C-alpha atoms as a PDB file:
ATOM      1  CA  MET A   1      -1.941  22.799  -2.138  1.00  0.00           C
ATOM      2  CA  ASP A   2      -5.251  21.836  -0.560  1.00  0.00           C
ATOM      3  CA  MET A   3      -5.017  18.128   0.295  1.00  0.00           C
ATOM      4  CA  LYS A   4      -8.777  17.946   0.945  1.00  0.00           C
ATOM      5  CA  LEU A   5      -9.948  18.506  -2.610  1.00  0.00           C
ATOM      6  CA  ASP A   6     -12.182  15.490  -2.430  1.00  0.00           C
ATOM      7  CA  SER A   7     -14.081  17.030   0.469  1.00  0.00           C
ATOM      8  CA  ILE A   8     -14.587  20.568  -0.893  1.00  0.00           C
ATOM      9  CA  GLY A   9     -16.206  19.462  -4.157  1.00  0.00           C
ATOM     10  CA  ILE A  10     -16.343  21.216  -7.494  1.00  0.00           C
ATOM     11  CA  GLY A  11     -17.723  24.716  -7.856  1.00  0.00           C
ATOM     12  CA  LYS A  12     -20.846  25.199  -9.985  1.00  0.00           C
ATOM     13  CA  THR A  13     -18.977  27.044 -12.740  1.00  0.00           C
ATOM     14  CA  GLU A  14     -16.197  24.455 -12.962  1.00  0.00           C
ATOM     15  CA  TYR A  15     -18.601  21.529 -12.892  1.00  0.00           C
ATOM     16  CA  GLU A  16     -20.753  23.005 -15.666  1.00  0.00           C
ATOM     17  CA  PHE A  17     -17.644  23.599 -17.780  1.00  0.00           C
ATOM     18  CA  ILE A  18     -16.508  19.996 -17.320  1.00  0.00           C
ATOM     19  CA  CYS A  19     -20.008  18.690 -18.112  1.00  0.00           C
ATOM     20  CA  ARG A  20     -20.166  20.733 -21.303  1.00  0.00           C
ATOM     21  CA  LEU A  21     -16.689  19.699 -22.431  1.00  0.00           C
ATOM     22  CA  VAL A  22     -17.298  16.001 -21.764  1.00  0.00           C
ATOM     23  CA  TYR A  23     -20.632  16.129 -23.596  1.00  0.00           C
ATOM     24  CA  GLU A  24     -19.124  17.839 -26.644  1.00  0.00           C
ATOM     25  CA  ARG A  25     -16.378  15.235 -26.918  1.00  0.00           C
ATOM     26  CA  SER A  26     -18.119  12.013 -25.882  1.00  0.00           C
ATOM     27  CA  ARG A  27     -21.867  12.776 -25.619  1.00  0.00           C
ATOM     28  CA  ILE A  28     -21.721  11.497 -22.046  1.00  0.00           C
ATOM     29  CA  HIS A  29     -24.366  13.417 -20.106  1.00  0.00           C
ATOM     30  CA  LEU A  30     -23.333  14.350 -16.578  1.00  0.00           C
ATOM     31  CA  GLY A  31     -26.300  15.611 -14.626  1.00  0.00           C
ATOM     32  CA  THR A  32     -26.280  17.154 -11.168  1.00  0.00           C
ATOM     33  CA  ASP A  33     -26.492  13.676  -9.674  1.00  0.00           C
ATOM     34  CA  LYS A  34     -23.008  12.874 -11.010  1.00  0.00           C
ATOM     35  CA  GLN A  35     -21.209  15.770  -9.294  1.00  0.00           C
ATOM     36  CA  ALA A  36     -20.092  13.669  -6.322  1.00  0.00           C
ATOM     37  CA  LEU A  37     -18.831  10.954  -8.681  1.00  0.00           C
ATOM     38  CA  VAL A  38     -16.797  13.437 -10.705  1.00  0.00           C
ATOM     39  CA  THR A  39     -15.387  14.989  -7.541  1.00  0.00           C
ATOM     40  CA  SER A  40     -14.286  11.656  -6.113  1.00  0.00           C
ATOM     41  CA  ARG A  41     -12.673  10.518  -9.354  1.00  0.00           C
ATOM     42  CA  LEU A  42     -10.831  13.790  -9.950  1.00  0.00           C
ATOM     43  CA  ALA A  43      -9.514  14.483  -6.450  1.00  0.00           C
ATOM     44  CA  LYS A  44      -6.608  12.048  -6.756  1.00  0.00           C
ATOM     45  CA  ARG A  45      -5.818  13.382 -10.224  1.00  0.00           C
ATOM     46  CA  LEU A  46      -5.571  16.956  -8.970  1.00  0.00           C
ATOM     47  CA  ARG A  47      -3.204  15.887  -6.202  1.00  0.00           C
ATOM     48  CA  LEU A  48      -1.063  14.010  -8.716  1.00  0.00           C
ATOM     49  CA  LEU A  49      -0.910  17.080 -10.969  1.00  0.00           C
ATOM     50  CA  GLN A  50      -0.226  19.291  -7.921  1.00  0.00           C
ATOM     51  CA  LEU A  51      -3.086  21.625  -8.733  1.00  0.00           C
ATOM     52  CA  ASP A  52      -4.631  23.878  -6.092  1.00  0.00           C
ATOM     53  CA  GLY A  53      -8.236  23.341  -7.085  1.00  0.00           C
ATOM     54  CA  TYR A  54     -10.772  22.637  -9.777  1.00  0.00           C
ATOM     55  CA  GLU A  55     -10.415  26.106 -11.273  1.00  0.00           C
ATOM     56  CA  GLU A  56      -6.798  25.275 -12.108  1.00  0.00           C
ATOM     57  CA  TYR A  57      -7.897  21.930 -13.496  1.00  0.00           C
ATOM     58  CA  CYS A  58     -10.326  23.659 -15.856  1.00  0.00           C
ATOM     59  CA  GLU A  59      -7.501  25.933 -16.980  1.00  0.00           C
ATOM     60  CA  LEU A  60      -5.489  22.825 -17.811  1.00  0.00           C
ATOM     61  CA  LEU A  61      -8.396  21.518 -19.891  1.00  0.00           C
ATOM     62  CA  ARG A  62      -8.446  24.813 -21.799  1.00  0.00           C
ATOM     63  CA  SER A  63      -4.682  24.725 -22.404  1.00  0.00           C
ATOM     64  CA  PRO A  64      -2.765  23.139 -25.335  1.00  0.00           C
ATOM     65  CA  ALA A  65      -2.407  20.001 -23.185  1.00  0.00           C
ATOM     66  CA  GLY A  66      -6.158  19.915 -22.649  1.00  0.00           C
ATOM     67  CA  ASP A  67      -6.960  17.287 -25.290  1.00  0.00           C
ATOM     68  CA  GLU A  68      -4.792  14.670 -23.607  1.00  0.00           C
ATOM     69  CA  GLU A  69      -6.213  15.504 -20.193  1.00  0.00           C
ATOM     70  CA  LEU A  70      -9.761  15.390 -21.540  1.00  0.00           C
ATOM     71  CA  ARG A  71      -9.132  11.849 -22.790  1.00  0.00           C
ATOM     72  CA  PHE A  72      -8.047  10.920 -19.271  1.00  0.00           C
ATOM     73  CA  LEU A  73     -11.110  12.606 -17.781  1.00  0.00           C
ATOM     74  CA  ILE A  74     -13.534  10.762 -20.059  1.00  0.00           C
ATOM     75  CA  ASP A  75     -11.740   7.529 -19.312  1.00  0.00           C
ATOM     76  CA  ARG A  76     -12.129   8.025 -15.580  1.00  0.00           C
ATOM     77  CA  ILE A  77     -15.806   8.955 -15.538  1.00  0.00           C
ATOM     78  CA  SER A  78     -16.907   6.313 -18.060  1.00  0.00           C
ATOM     79  CA  THR A  79     -15.273   3.339 -16.350  1.00  0.00           C
ATOM     80  CA  ASN A  80     -17.820   0.575 -15.756  1.00  0.00           C
ATOM     81  CA  HIS A  81     -17.775  -2.312 -13.368  1.00  0.00           C
ATOM     82  CA  THR A  82     -17.442  -5.488 -15.405  1.00  0.00           C
ATOM     83  CA  HIS A  83     -16.793  -9.169 -14.904  1.00  0.00           C
ATOM     84  CA  PHE A  84     -16.837 -12.423 -16.837  1.00  0.00           C
ATOM     85  CA  PHE A  85     -20.263 -13.685 -17.937  1.00  0.00           C
ATOM     86  CA  ARG A  86     -22.021 -10.659 -16.520  1.00  0.00           C
ATOM     87  CA  GLU A  87     -25.810 -10.762 -16.965  1.00  0.00           C
ATOM     88  CA  MET A  88     -25.824 -14.460 -17.783  1.00  0.00           C
ATOM     89  CA  GLY A  89     -29.302 -14.279 -19.295  1.00  0.00           C
ATOM     90  CA  HIS A  90     -27.818 -12.802 -22.463  1.00  0.00           C
ATOM     91  CA  PHE A  91     -25.396 -15.698 -22.816  1.00  0.00           C
ATOM     92  CA  ASN A  92     -28.173 -18.226 -22.304  1.00  0.00           C
ATOM     93  CA  PHE A  93     -30.230 -16.444 -24.964  1.00  0.00           C
ATOM     94  CA  LEU A  94     -27.304 -16.781 -27.364  1.00  0.00           C
ATOM     95  CA  LYS A  95     -27.058 -20.505 -26.625  1.00  0.00           C
ATOM     96  CA  ASP A  96     -30.770 -21.297 -26.678  1.00  0.00           C
ATOM     97  CA  VAL A  97     -32.044 -18.979 -29.423  1.00  0.00           C
ATOM     98  CA  VAL A  98     -29.387 -17.216 -31.475  1.00  0.00           C
ATOM     99  CA  PHE A  99     -26.870 -20.015 -32.043  1.00  0.00           C
ATOM    100  CA  PRO A 100     -29.440 -22.573 -33.266  1.00  0.00           C
ATOM    101  CA  GLN A 101     -30.741 -19.988 -35.740  1.00  0.00           C
ATOM    102  CA  SER A 102     -27.217 -19.363 -36.996  1.00  0.00           C
ATOM    103  CA  LEU A 103     -25.959 -22.943 -37.247  1.00  0.00           C
ATOM    104  CA  ALA A 104     -27.513 -23.466 -40.675  1.00  0.00           C
ATOM    105  CA  HIS A 105     -25.539 -20.537 -42.064  1.00  0.00           C
ATOM    106  CA  VAL A 106     -22.380 -21.318 -40.121  1.00  0.00           C
ATOM    107  CA  GLY A 107     -22.480 -25.015 -40.917  1.00  0.00           C
ATOM    108  CA  ALA A 108     -22.811 -24.288 -44.611  1.00  0.00           C
ATOM    109  CA  GLN A 109     -20.124 -21.600 -44.280  1.00  0.00           C
ATOM    110  CA  THR A 110     -22.354 -19.124 -46.090  1.00  0.00           C
ATOM    111  CA  ARG A 111     -21.143 -16.481 -43.662  1.00  0.00           C
ATOM    112  CA  LYS A 112     -19.271 -16.143 -40.411  1.00  0.00           C
ATOM    113  CA  PHE A 113     -21.082 -15.443 -37.176  1.00  0.00           C
ATOM    114  CA  ARG A 114     -20.021 -11.908 -36.278  1.00  0.00           C
ATOM    115  CA  ILE A 115     -20.483 -10.328 -32.878  1.00  0.00           C
ATOM    116  CA  TRP A 116     -19.451  -6.914 -31.568  1.00  0.00           C
ATOM    117  CA  SER A 117     -18.761  -5.986 -27.957  1.00  0.00           C
ATOM    118  CA  ALA A 118     -19.272  -2.239 -28.377  1.00  0.00           C
ATOM    119  CA  ALA A 119     -18.105  -1.151 -24.919  1.00  0.00           C
ATOM    120  CA  CYS A 120     -15.650  -3.866 -24.015  1.00  0.00           C
ATOM    121  CA  SER A 121     -13.820  -2.144 -21.126  1.00  0.00           C
ATOM    122  CA  SER A 122     -10.955  -4.363 -19.912  1.00  0.00           C
ATOM    123  CA  GLY A 123     -11.988  -7.338 -22.028  1.00  0.00           C
ATOM    124  CA  GLU A 124     -14.122  -9.520 -19.796  1.00  0.00           C
ATOM    125  CA  GLU A 125     -17.172  -9.256 -22.058  1.00  0.00           C
ATOM    126  CA  PRO A 126     -15.562 -10.091 -25.435  1.00  0.00           C
ATOM    127  CA  TYR A 127     -13.510 -12.904 -23.916  1.00  0.00           C
ATOM    128  CA  SER A 128     -16.653 -14.302 -22.278  1.00  0.00           C
ATOM    129  CA  LEU A 129     -18.243 -14.223 -25.728  1.00  0.00           C
ATOM    130  CA  ALA A 130     -15.211 -15.916 -27.272  1.00  0.00           C
ATOM    131  CA  ILE A 131     -15.421 -18.722 -24.718  1.00  0.00           C
ATOM    132  CA  TRP A 132     -19.180 -19.065 -25.304  1.00  0.00           C
ATOM    133  CA  LEU A 133     -18.770 -19.178 -29.073  1.00  0.00           C
ATOM    134  CA  ALA A 134     -15.984 -21.745 -28.806  1.00  0.00           C
ATOM    135  CA  GLU A 135     -18.163 -23.878 -26.551  1.00  0.00           C
ATOM    136  CA  HIS A 136     -21.406 -23.711 -28.506  1.00  0.00           C
ATOM    137  CA  LEU A 137     -20.707 -22.636 -32.088  1.00  0.00           C
ATOM    138  CA  GLY A 138     -17.292 -24.026 -32.925  1.00  0.00           C
ATOM    139  CA  PRO A 139     -13.700 -23.897 -31.624  1.00  0.00           C
ATOM    140  CA  ALA A 140     -11.564 -20.845 -32.273  1.00  0.00           C
ATOM    141  CA  SER A 141      -9.642 -22.776 -34.924  1.00  0.00           C
ATOM    142  CA  SER A 142     -12.834 -23.433 -36.927  1.00  0.00           C
ATOM    143  CA  GLY A 143     -12.970 -19.923 -38.362  1.00  0.00           C
ATOM    144  CA  PHE A 144     -16.773 -19.955 -38.058  1.00  0.00           C
ATOM    145  CA  TRP A 145     -16.957 -16.776 -35.982  1.00  0.00           C
ATOM    146  CA  ASP A 146     -15.348 -13.376 -35.422  1.00  0.00           C
ATOM    147  CA  ILE A 147     -15.468 -10.950 -32.509  1.00  0.00           C
ATOM    148  CA  GLU A 148     -14.906  -7.206 -32.718  1.00  0.00           C
ATOM    149  CA  ALA A 149     -14.478  -5.241 -29.500  1.00  0.00           C
ATOM    150  CA  SER A 150     -14.253  -1.518 -28.950  1.00  0.00           C
ATOM    151  CA  ASP A 151     -14.014   1.090 -26.241  1.00  0.00           C
ATOM    152  CA  ILE A 152     -13.402   4.809 -26.019  1.00  0.00           C
ATOM    153  CA  SER A 153     -10.582   4.294 -23.496  1.00  0.00           C
ATOM    154  CA  THR A 154      -7.123   3.350 -24.736  1.00  0.00           C
ATOM    155  CA  ARG A 155      -6.126   2.486 -21.167  1.00  0.00           C
ATOM    156  CA  VAL A 156      -8.663  -0.314 -20.770  1.00  0.00           C
ATOM    157  CA  LEU A 157      -8.041  -1.511 -24.325  1.00  0.00           C
ATOM    158  CA  ASP A 158      -4.379  -2.045 -23.474  1.00  0.00           C
ATOM    159  CA  LEU A 159      -5.443  -4.197 -20.529  1.00  0.00           C
ATOM    160  CA  ALA A 160      -7.971  -6.072 -22.664  1.00  0.00           C
ATOM    161  CA  ALA A 161      -5.417  -6.891 -25.349  1.00  0.00           C
ATOM    162  CA  GLN A 162      -3.135  -8.455 -22.737  1.00  0.00           C
ATOM    163  CA  GLY A 163      -5.942 -10.718 -21.526  1.00  0.00           C
ATOM    164  CA  ILE A 164      -4.406 -11.145 -18.062  1.00  0.00           C
ATOM    165  CA  TYR A 165      -6.665 -11.241 -14.999  1.00  0.00           C
ATOM    166  CA  GLU A 166      -6.248 -11.728 -11.268  1.00  0.00           C
ATOM    167  CA  HIS A 167      -7.872 -14.836  -9.884  1.00  0.00           C
ATOM    168  CA  ASN A 168     -10.371 -12.808  -7.853  1.00  0.00           C
ATOM    169  CA  ARG A 169     -11.795 -11.377 -11.099  1.00  0.00           C
ATOM    170  CA  LEU A 170     -12.661 -14.805 -12.494  1.00  0.00           C
ATOM    171  CA  GLY A 171     -15.454 -15.754 -10.117  1.00  0.00           C
ATOM    172  CA  GLY A 172     -17.988 -15.887 -12.950  1.00  0.00           C
ATOM    173  CA  VAL A 173     -15.994 -18.452 -14.929  1.00  0.00           C
ATOM    174  CA  PRO A 174     -16.965 -22.103 -14.273  1.00  0.00           C
ATOM    175  CA  PRO A 175     -13.935 -24.214 -13.258  1.00  0.00           C
ATOM    176  CA  GLU A 176     -14.035 -26.375 -16.395  1.00  0.00           C
ATOM    177  CA  LEU A 177     -13.985 -23.280 -18.631  1.00  0.00           C
ATOM    178  CA  LEU A 178     -11.184 -21.788 -16.562  1.00  0.00           C
ATOM    179  CA  ARG A 179      -9.081 -24.897 -17.182  1.00  0.00           C
ATOM    180  CA  ARG A 180      -9.960 -25.030 -20.866  1.00  0.00           C
ATOM    181  CA  TYR A 181      -9.483 -21.419 -21.903  1.00  0.00           C
ATOM    182  CA  PHE A 182      -7.014 -19.850 -19.450  1.00  0.00           C
ATOM    183  CA  GLN A 183      -3.321 -20.308 -18.731  1.00  0.00           C
ATOM    184  CA  LYS A 184      -2.361 -20.188 -15.065  1.00  0.00           C
ATOM    185  CA  GLY A 185       0.580 -17.946 -14.246  1.00  0.00           C
ATOM    186  CA  SER A 186       3.595 -18.974 -12.204  1.00  0.00           C
ATOM    187  CA  LEU A 187       6.477 -17.289 -10.393  1.00  0.00           C
ATOM    188  CA  ASP A 188       5.921 -13.523 -10.646  1.00  0.00           C
ATOM    189  CA  ARG A 189       2.588 -14.209 -12.388  1.00  0.00           C
ATOM    190  CA  ASP A 190       1.272 -16.465  -9.627  1.00  0.00           C
ATOM    191  CA  GLY A 191      -2.406 -15.777  -8.979  1.00  0.00           C
ATOM    192  CA  GLN A 192      -2.951 -14.507 -12.504  1.00  0.00           C
ATOM    193  CA  PHE A 193      -4.610 -16.151 -15.488  1.00  0.00           C
ATOM    194  CA  ARG A 194      -4.303 -15.327 -19.167  1.00  0.00           C
ATOM    195  CA  ILE A 195      -6.776 -16.039 -21.937  1.00  0.00           C
ATOM    196  CA  LYS A 196      -5.234 -18.651 -24.215  1.00  0.00           C
ATOM    197  CA  ASN A 197      -3.707 -17.387 -27.408  1.00  0.00           C
ATOM    198  CA  GLU A 198      -6.159 -19.086 -29.770  1.00  0.00           C
ATOM    199  CA  LEU A 199      -8.986 -17.053 -28.251  1.00  0.00           C
ATOM    200  CA  ARG A 200      -7.060 -13.778 -27.949  1.00  0.00           C
ATOM    201  CA  GLN A 201      -6.267 -13.951 -31.645  1.00  0.00           C
ATOM    202  CA  ARG A 202      -9.979 -14.105 -32.509  1.00  0.00           C
ATOM    203  CA  VAL A 203     -10.840 -10.837 -30.732  1.00  0.00           C
ATOM    204  CA  ASN A 204     -10.023  -7.601 -32.585  1.00  0.00           C
ATOM    205  CA  PHE A 205      -9.820  -4.489 -30.397  1.00  0.00           C
ATOM    206  CA  HIS A 206     -10.529  -0.945 -31.610  1.00  0.00           C
ATOM    207  CA  GLN A 207     -10.385   2.463 -29.954  1.00  0.00           C
ATOM    208  CA  LEU A 208     -13.737   3.918 -30.929  1.00  0.00           C
ATOM    209  CA  ASN A 209     -16.127   6.692 -30.017  1.00  0.00           C
ATOM    210  CA  LEU A 210     -19.521   5.164 -30.770  1.00  0.00           C
ATOM    211  CA  LEU A 211     -20.986   8.532 -31.738  1.00  0.00           C
ATOM    212  CA  GLU A 212     -18.281   9.949 -33.982  1.00  0.00           C
ATOM    213  CA  GLY A 213     -17.008   9.051 -37.428  1.00  0.00           C
ATOM    214  CA  ASP A 214     -17.566   5.905 -39.422  1.00  0.00           C
ATOM    215  CA  TYR A 215     -17.381   2.515 -37.760  1.00  0.00           C
ATOM    216  CA  PRO A 216     -14.374   0.483 -39.007  1.00  0.00           C
ATOM    217  CA  PHE A 217     -16.480  -2.550 -39.933  1.00  0.00           C
ATOM    218  CA  SER A 218     -17.340  -3.439 -43.512  1.00  0.00           C
ATOM    219  CA  LYS A 219     -19.684  -6.322 -42.659  1.00  0.00           C
ATOM    220  CA  PRO A 220     -22.742  -6.343 -40.375  1.00  0.00           C
ATOM    221  CA  PHE A 221     -23.154  -8.342 -37.180  1.00  0.00           C
ATOM    222  CA  GLU A 222     -25.493 -11.070 -36.000  1.00  0.00           C
ATOM    223  CA  VAL A 223     -25.321  -9.668 -32.453  1.00  0.00           C
ATOM    224  CA  ILE A 224     -24.163  -6.407 -30.893  1.00  0.00           C
ATOM    225  CA  PHE A 225     -23.581  -6.138 -27.153  1.00  0.00           C
ATOM    226  CA  CYS A 226     -23.847  -2.502 -26.043  1.00  0.00           C
ATOM    227  CA  ARG A 227     -24.542  -2.870 -22.356  1.00  0.00           C
ATOM    228  CA  ASN A 228     -24.513  -0.226 -19.629  1.00  0.00           C
ATOM    229  CA  VAL A 229     -23.539   2.493 -22.095  1.00  0.00           C
ATOM    230  CA  MET A 230     -26.770   4.390 -22.720  1.00  0.00           C
ATOM    231  CA  ILE A 231     -27.150   5.196 -19.029  1.00  0.00           C
ATOM    232  CA  TYR A 232     -24.543   7.902 -19.639  1.00  0.00           C
ATOM    233  CA  PHE A 233     -26.423   9.559 -22.520  1.00  0.00           C
ATOM    234  CA  ASP A 234     -29.391  11.876 -22.893  1.00  0.00           C
ATOM    235  CA  ARG A 235     -32.380  10.782 -24.986  1.00  0.00           C
ATOM    236  CA  ALA A 236     -31.258  12.390 -28.248  1.00  0.00           C
ATOM    237  CA  THR A 237     -27.864  10.721 -27.968  1.00  0.00           C
ATOM    238  CA  GLN A 238     -29.455   7.373 -27.129  1.00  0.00           C
ATOM    239  CA  GLU A 239     -31.583   7.592 -30.264  1.00  0.00           C
ATOM    240  CA  ALA A 240     -28.580   8.445 -32.405  1.00  0.00           C
ATOM    241  CA  LEU A 241     -26.576   5.560 -30.941  1.00  0.00           C
ATOM    242  CA  VAL A 242     -29.332   2.965 -31.389  1.00  0.00           C
ATOM    243  CA  ARG A 243     -29.852   4.112 -34.969  1.00  0.00           C
ATOM    244  CA  ARG A 244     -26.128   3.745 -35.738  1.00  0.00           C
ATOM    245  CA  LEU A 245     -25.909   0.330 -34.087  1.00  0.00           C
ATOM    246  CA  SER A 246     -29.052  -0.889 -35.862  1.00  0.00           C
ATOM    247  CA  GLU A 247     -27.470  -0.087 -39.210  1.00  0.00           C
ATOM    248  CA  LYS A 248     -24.663  -2.517 -38.339  1.00  0.00           C
ATOM    249  CA  LEU A 249     -26.988  -5.448 -37.630  1.00  0.00           C
ATOM    250  CA  VAL A 250     -27.938  -8.044 -40.223  1.00  0.00           C
ATOM    251  CA  PRO A 251     -31.702  -8.409 -40.789  1.00  0.00           C
ATOM    252  CA  GLY A 252     -32.843 -10.559 -37.879  1.00  0.00           C
ATOM    253  CA  GLY A 253     -29.807  -9.537 -35.817  1.00  0.00           C
ATOM    254  CA  TYR A 254     -29.959  -8.784 -32.097  1.00  0.00           C
ATOM    255  CA  LEU A 255     -28.987  -5.797 -29.948  1.00  0.00           C
ATOM    256  CA  MET A 256     -28.272  -6.557 -26.291  1.00  0.00           C
ATOM    257  CA  VAL A 257     -28.424  -3.672 -23.824  1.00  0.00           C
ATOM    258  CA  GLY A 258     -27.869  -3.674 -20.072  1.00  0.00           C
ATOM    259  CA  HIS A 259     -30.618  -5.049 -17.838  1.00  0.00           C
ATOM    260  CA  SER A 260     -30.843  -1.629 -16.178  1.00  0.00           C
ATOM    261  CA  GLU A 261     -31.435  -0.043 -19.602  1.00  0.00           C
ATOM    262  CA  SER A 262     -34.416   0.155 -21.935  1.00  0.00           C
ATOM    263  CA  LEU A 263     -35.258   1.671 -25.306  1.00  0.00           C
ATOM    264  CA  ASN A 264     -38.628   2.834 -23.966  1.00  0.00           C
ATOM    265  CA  GLY A 265     -39.259   6.461 -24.779  1.00  0.00           C
ATOM    266  CA  ILE A 266     -36.792   6.710 -27.659  1.00  0.00           C
ATOM    267  CA  LYS A 267     -37.432   6.302 -31.371  1.00  0.00           C
ATOM    268  CA  HIS A 268     -35.995   3.135 -32.875  1.00  0.00           C
ATOM    269  CA  SER A 269     -36.755   0.492 -35.483  1.00  0.00           C
ATOM    270  CA  LEU A 270     -36.084  -2.589 -33.351  1.00  0.00           C
ATOM    271  CA  ARG A 271     -38.591  -4.965 -31.751  1.00  0.00           C
ATOM    272  CA  LEU A 272     -38.388  -5.981 -28.119  1.00  0.00           C
ATOM    273  CA  VAL A 273     -37.850  -9.741 -27.731  1.00  0.00           C
ATOM    274  CA  GLN A 274     -37.459  -9.808 -23.970  1.00  0.00           C
ATOM    275  CA  PRO A 275     -36.086  -7.315 -21.449  1.00  0.00           C
ATOM    276  CA  ALA A 276     -32.751  -5.899 -22.680  1.00  0.00           C
ATOM    277  CA  ILE A 277     -32.877  -7.846 -25.992  1.00  0.00           C
ATOM    278  CA  TYR A 278     -34.038  -6.315 -29.282  1.00  0.00           C
ATOM    279  CA  ILE A 279     -34.219  -7.702 -32.824  1.00  0.00           C
ATOM    280  CA  LYS A 280     -33.915  -5.997 -36.193  1.00  0.00           C
ATOM    281  CA  ALA A 281     -36.670  -6.818 -38.673  1.00  0.00           C
ATOM    282  CA  ALA A 282     -35.701  -9.573 -41.109  1.00  0.00           C
END
């Protein structure tokens, strides 16, 4: 077996096949600029599977075992860097604008405040939201709010459900919030922290392809976080995704996208509030 797969790259035919297959299953658009990324993330996989090259890997994807391998492939190429309280401007907007607007409804218990982390990865985003809601809208025990979280990857969802993080991944968490909402590990868990149970119980995790099937939510949301997802999609797919997400917002609800993303150039019914924040007409 060639142990330098990561240096020889993927042939044009094999790369185009992988791009087409990934797009058909996930709508993730891999352009020519992503070839080096795909090569680097697959090289270790090919060595593990003891395959002689990318042609053999494509044969595996075509085989009866291909569906399982395709799930792994999509998982690997869609993995995002994430951390607690990433892009803090969104959290400040929740505190300064969205929460005050919602307190009248929440205080009167006319409805719960519902928020969806639509690409939650390993859980840092929805748990950051849970902490923020507990701090500014009511403790987890109040029942005033709910969080739904979803991702296409079952692997990261398993990690998210555990809610266990190494200390070096908690740099974005202020010390007082770390003490209040995390349990410090000991013995074989030394150096690790776990989200406290009362918060973990308020986050519901779902394996979900955002572009396929019906969403498993019967009630709309005040806020949807869908950050650093659209960068993977072509324009038609972006439009379809924004349309689907918009349908799940209450009138006057907000869609948060990544600060490197914009809805410029695509058709949508939302109004820009400030960069990376959009509102649905009331």
